[in-house]
Amino acid sequence: MKKTVYILSAMLLALTLLSGICWAADKGPEEIVLKSTVDPAKKAKPAFFPHALHQEKFDCATCHHGKDADGKQVAYTEGQKIEKCDACHNTKAGMTEKLDTFKEAAHARCKVCHKKLKKEGKDAGPTKCNGCHKKDLK
């Protein structure tokens, strides 16, 4: 009986630790299909985003940020709630034209970074349309 209690206790402890590790490691989906929900294009052009690949190379603050009460961009802090980009980057939010849609914001953040890395001779993501905007995405 004592042996059974020890085994069950050890299994419960292991399960508790494992579930804690899995919970702490949850950083969102490995792959995401990005598309605007606020200002959808006449012909929607979703983009493939390998989230896990980016997490291996960059910290969250490289891409994510928040906003203050005045609507100004503030740096990401660990544990901050990640909003959809087009919650702010949409034509109704009053942002500058270069960032007033999800498309413009994504191109400014992603495409510019890819081109910069490529110019530096580093491993970079796609810089041409069909690199992210694959035909079979919905």
C-alpha atoms as a PDB file:
ATOM      1  CA  MET A   1       0.000   0.000   0.000  1.00  0.00           C
ATOM      2  CA  LYS A   2       2.802   2.365   0.935  1.00  0.00           C
ATOM      3  CA  LYS A   3       4.540   1.681  -2.386  1.00  0.00           C
ATOM      4  CA  THR A   4       1.346   2.537  -4.306  1.00  0.00           C
ATOM      5  CA  VAL A   5       0.989   5.849  -2.461  1.00  0.00           C
ATOM      6  CA  TYR A   6       4.616   6.743  -3.268  1.00  0.00           C
ATOM      7  CA  ILE A   7       4.176   5.878  -6.931  1.00  0.00           C
ATOM      8  CA  LEU A   8       0.914   7.818  -7.210  1.00  0.00           C
ATOM      9  CA  SER A   9       2.466  10.804  -5.396  1.00  0.00           C
ATOM     10  CA  ALA A  10       5.473  10.758  -7.729  1.00  0.00           C
ATOM     11  CA  MET A  11       3.207  10.554 -10.778  1.00  0.00           C
ATOM     12  CA  LEU A  12       1.058  13.424  -9.513  1.00  0.00           C
ATOM     13  CA  LEU A  13       4.140  15.552  -8.853  1.00  0.00           C
ATOM     14  CA  ALA A  14       5.535  14.794 -12.316  1.00  0.00           C
ATOM     15  CA  LEU A  15       2.197  15.611 -13.947  1.00  0.00           C
ATOM     16  CA  THR A  16       1.959  18.892 -12.023  1.00  0.00           C
ATOM     17  CA  LEU A  17       5.486  19.919 -13.022  1.00  0.00           C
ATOM     18  CA  LEU A  18       4.959  18.909 -16.642  1.00  0.00           C
ATOM     19  CA  SER A  19       1.682  20.822 -16.939  1.00  0.00           C
ATOM     20  CA  GLY A  20       3.365  23.901 -15.414  1.00  0.00           C
ATOM     21  CA  ILE A  21       6.203  23.699 -17.922  1.00  0.00           C
ATOM     22  CA  CYS A  22       3.778  23.312 -20.825  1.00  0.00           C
ATOM     23  CA  TRP A  23       1.673  26.241 -19.621  1.00  0.00           C
ATOM     24  CA  ALA A  24       4.719  28.488 -19.213  1.00  0.00           C
ATOM     25  CA  ALA A  25       5.997  27.536 -22.658  1.00  0.00           C
ATOM     26  CA  ASP A  26       2.730  28.436 -24.434  1.00  0.00           C
ATOM     27  CA  LYS A  27       3.658  31.299 -26.712  1.00  0.00           C
ATOM     28  CA  GLY A  28       0.836  31.057 -29.186  1.00  0.00           C
ATOM     29  CA  PRO A  29       0.373  28.930 -32.282  1.00  0.00           C
ATOM     30  CA  GLU A  30       3.371  27.645 -34.235  1.00  0.00           C
ATOM     31  CA  GLU A  31       1.936  28.893 -37.524  1.00  0.00           C
ATOM     32  CA  ILE A  32      -0.566  31.668 -38.144  1.00  0.00           C
ATOM     33  CA  VAL A  33      -2.498  32.827 -41.185  1.00  0.00           C
ATOM     34  CA  LEU A  34      -2.603  36.610 -40.886  1.00  0.00           C
ATOM     35  CA  LYS A  35      -5.521  38.530 -42.349  1.00  0.00           C
ATOM     36  CA  SER A  36      -7.334  41.739 -41.632  1.00  0.00           C
ATOM     37  CA  THR A  37     -10.681  41.527 -39.889  1.00  0.00           C
ATOM     38  CA  VAL A  38     -11.373  45.279 -39.668  1.00  0.00           C
ATOM     39  CA  ASP A  39     -10.413  46.539 -43.146  1.00  0.00           C
ATOM     40  CA  PRO A  40     -10.597  43.471 -45.353  1.00  0.00           C
ATOM     41  CA  ALA A  41      -9.233  44.044 -48.831  1.00  0.00           C
ATOM     42  CA  LYS A  42     -11.620  43.728 -51.752  1.00  0.00           C
ATOM     43  CA  LYS A  43      -9.803  40.530 -52.545  1.00  0.00           C
ATOM     44  CA  ALA A  44      -8.440  39.229 -49.260  1.00  0.00           C
ATOM     45  CA  LYS A  45      -4.771  38.316 -49.313  1.00  0.00           C
ATOM     46  CA  PRO A  46      -3.967  36.365 -46.165  1.00  0.00           C
ATOM     47  CA  ALA A  47      -0.319  35.804 -45.307  1.00  0.00           C
ATOM     48  CA  PHE A  48       1.417  32.744 -43.885  1.00  0.00           C
ATOM     49  CA  PHE A  49       3.417  33.493 -40.738  1.00  0.00           C
ATOM     50  CA  PRO A  50       5.742  30.865 -39.181  1.00  0.00           C
ATOM     51  CA  HIS A  51       5.397  32.131 -35.590  1.00  0.00           C
ATOM     52  CA  ALA A  52       7.532  29.438 -33.921  1.00  0.00           C
ATOM     53  CA  LEU A  53      10.398  30.062 -36.350  1.00  0.00           C
ATOM     54  CA  HIS A  54      10.390  33.750 -35.435  1.00  0.00           C
ATOM     55  CA  GLN A  55      10.245  32.924 -31.704  1.00  0.00           C
ATOM     56  CA  GLU A  56      13.434  30.879 -32.072  1.00  0.00           C
ATOM     57  CA  LYS A  57      15.307  33.886 -33.507  1.00  0.00           C
ATOM     58  CA  PHE A  58      13.763  36.952 -31.850  1.00  0.00           C
ATOM     59  CA  ASP A  59      12.186  37.965 -28.574  1.00  0.00           C
ATOM     60  CA  CYS A  60       8.510  38.977 -28.482  1.00  0.00           C
ATOM     61  CA  ALA A  61       9.285  42.715 -28.334  1.00  0.00           C
ATOM     62  CA  THR A  62      10.904  42.551 -31.788  1.00  0.00           C
ATOM     63  CA  CYS A  63       7.435  42.371 -33.336  1.00  0.00           C
ATOM     64  CA  HIS A  64       4.873  43.039 -30.614  1.00  0.00           C
ATOM     65  CA  HIS A  65       4.086  46.314 -28.874  1.00  0.00           C
ATOM     66  CA  GLY A  66       1.212  47.982 -27.094  1.00  0.00           C
ATOM     67  CA  LYS A  67      -0.199  51.472 -26.824  1.00  0.00           C
ATOM     68  CA  ASP A  68      -0.665  53.942 -24.018  1.00  0.00           C
ATOM     69  CA  ALA A  69      -3.797  55.907 -23.091  1.00  0.00           C
ATOM     70  CA  ASP A  70      -2.970  58.489 -25.784  1.00  0.00           C
ATOM     71  CA  GLY A  71      -2.701  55.788 -28.443  1.00  0.00           C
ATOM     72  CA  LYS A  72       1.085  56.097 -28.712  1.00  0.00           C
ATOM     73  CA  GLN A  73       3.177  52.962 -29.235  1.00  0.00           C
ATOM     74  CA  VAL A  74       4.824  51.530 -26.122  1.00  0.00           C
ATOM     75  CA  ALA A  75       7.328  48.699 -25.922  1.00  0.00           C
ATOM     76  CA  TYR A  76       6.135  45.163 -25.277  1.00  0.00           C
ATOM     77  CA  THR A  77       6.555  43.870 -21.741  1.00  0.00           C
ATOM     78  CA  GLU A  78       6.660  40.190 -20.778  1.00  0.00           C
ATOM     79  CA  GLY A  79       3.194  38.808 -20.150  1.00  0.00           C
ATOM     80  CA  GLN A  80       1.423  41.657 -21.939  1.00  0.00           C
ATOM     81  CA  LYS A  81      -1.794  40.675 -23.701  1.00  0.00           C
ATOM     82  CA  ILE A  82      -1.171  40.359 -27.433  1.00  0.00           C
ATOM     83  CA  GLU A  83      -3.925  42.098 -29.383  1.00  0.00           C
ATOM     84  CA  LYS A  84      -4.685  41.536 -33.042  1.00  0.00           C
ATOM     85  CA  CYS A  85      -2.657  44.012 -35.087  1.00  0.00           C
ATOM     86  CA  ASP A  86      -5.720  45.448 -36.775  1.00  0.00           C
ATOM     87  CA  ALA A  87      -7.241  46.335 -33.420  1.00  0.00           C
ATOM     88  CA  CYS A  88      -5.174  49.529 -33.818  1.00  0.00           C
ATOM     89  CA  HIS A  89      -3.905  49.354 -37.381  1.00  0.00           C
ATOM     90  CA  ASN A  90      -7.161  50.121 -39.165  1.00  0.00           C
ATOM     91  CA  THR A  91      -8.623  53.064 -41.059  1.00  0.00           C
ATOM     92  CA  LYS A  92     -10.917  53.970 -38.160  1.00  0.00           C
ATOM     93  CA  ALA A  93      -8.125  54.391 -35.582  1.00  0.00           C
ATOM     94  CA  GLY A  94      -6.633  57.615 -36.956  1.00  0.00           C
ATOM     95  CA  MET A  95      -3.090  56.386 -37.500  1.00  0.00           C
ATOM     96  CA  THR A  96      -0.719  57.791 -40.100  1.00  0.00           C
ATOM     97  CA  GLU A  97      -1.323  56.573 -43.640  1.00  0.00           C
ATOM     98  CA  LYS A  98       1.797  54.378 -43.563  1.00  0.00           C
ATOM     99  CA  LEU A  99       0.340  52.389 -40.638  1.00  0.00           C
ATOM    100  CA  ASP A 100      -3.417  52.854 -40.942  1.00  0.00           C
ATOM    101  CA  THR A 101      -4.167  49.325 -42.148  1.00  0.00           C
ATOM    102  CA  PHE A 102      -2.981  45.930 -41.061  1.00  0.00           C
ATOM    103  CA  LYS A 103      -1.431  45.464 -44.501  1.00  0.00           C
ATOM    104  CA  GLU A 104       0.642  48.649 -44.202  1.00  0.00           C
ATOM    105  CA  ALA A 105       1.713  47.841 -40.631  1.00  0.00           C
ATOM    106  CA  ALA A 106       2.666  44.263 -41.530  1.00  0.00           C
ATOM    107  CA  HIS A 107       4.660  45.368 -44.552  1.00  0.00           C
ATOM    108  CA  ALA A 108       6.398  48.031 -42.440  1.00  0.00           C
ATOM    109  CA  ARG A 109       7.276  45.532 -39.698  1.00  0.00           C
ATOM    110  CA  CYS A 110       7.831  42.270 -41.591  1.00  0.00           C
ATOM    111  CA  LYS A 111       8.914  43.132 -45.117  1.00  0.00           C
ATOM    112  CA  VAL A 112      11.291  45.865 -43.960  1.00  0.00           C
ATOM    113  CA  CYS A 113      12.901  43.479 -41.439  1.00  0.00           C
ATOM    114  CA  HIS A 114      13.279  40.748 -44.066  1.00  0.00           C
ATOM    115  CA  LYS A 115      14.937  43.172 -46.499  1.00  0.00           C
ATOM    116  CA  LYS A 116      17.268  44.490 -43.779  1.00  0.00           C
ATOM    117  CA  LEU A 117      18.376  40.982 -42.784  1.00  0.00           C
ATOM    118  CA  LYS A 118      18.892  40.027 -46.422  1.00  0.00           C
ATOM    119  CA  LYS A 119      21.021  43.143 -47.003  1.00  0.00           C
ATOM    120  CA  GLU A 120      23.128  42.205 -43.947  1.00  0.00           C
ATOM    121  CA  GLY A 121      23.695  38.752 -45.463  1.00  0.00           C
ATOM    122  CA  LYS A 122      21.670  37.027 -42.745  1.00  0.00           C
ATOM    123  CA  ASP A 123      19.011  34.368 -43.053  1.00  0.00           C
ATOM    124  CA  ALA A 124      15.915  36.341 -43.997  1.00  0.00           C
ATOM    125  CA  GLY A 125      12.288  35.682 -44.744  1.00  0.00           C
ATOM    126  CA  PRO A 126      10.599  36.334 -48.066  1.00  0.00           C
ATOM    127  CA  THR A 127      10.576  39.805 -49.610  1.00  0.00           C
ATOM    128  CA  LYS A 128       8.328  39.117 -52.585  1.00  0.00           C
ATOM    129  CA  CYS A 129       4.524  38.907 -52.400  1.00  0.00           C
ATOM    130  CA  ASN A 130       4.115  35.174 -53.042  1.00  0.00           C
ATOM    131  CA  GLY A 131       6.606  34.350 -50.276  1.00  0.00           C
ATOM    132  CA  CYS A 132       3.962  35.116 -47.630  1.00  0.00           C
ATOM    133  CA  HIS A 133       0.765  35.392 -49.652  1.00  0.00           C
ATOM    134  CA  LYS A 134       0.400  31.803 -50.786  1.00  0.00           C
ATOM    135  CA  LYS A 135      -2.438  30.977 -53.171  1.00  0.00           C
ATOM    136  CA  ASP A 136      -3.992  28.230 -51.030  1.00  0.00           C
ATOM    137  CA  LEU A 137      -4.421  30.331 -47.855  1.00  0.00           C
ATOM    138  CA  LYS A 138      -7.891  31.281 -46.625  1.00  0.00           C
END
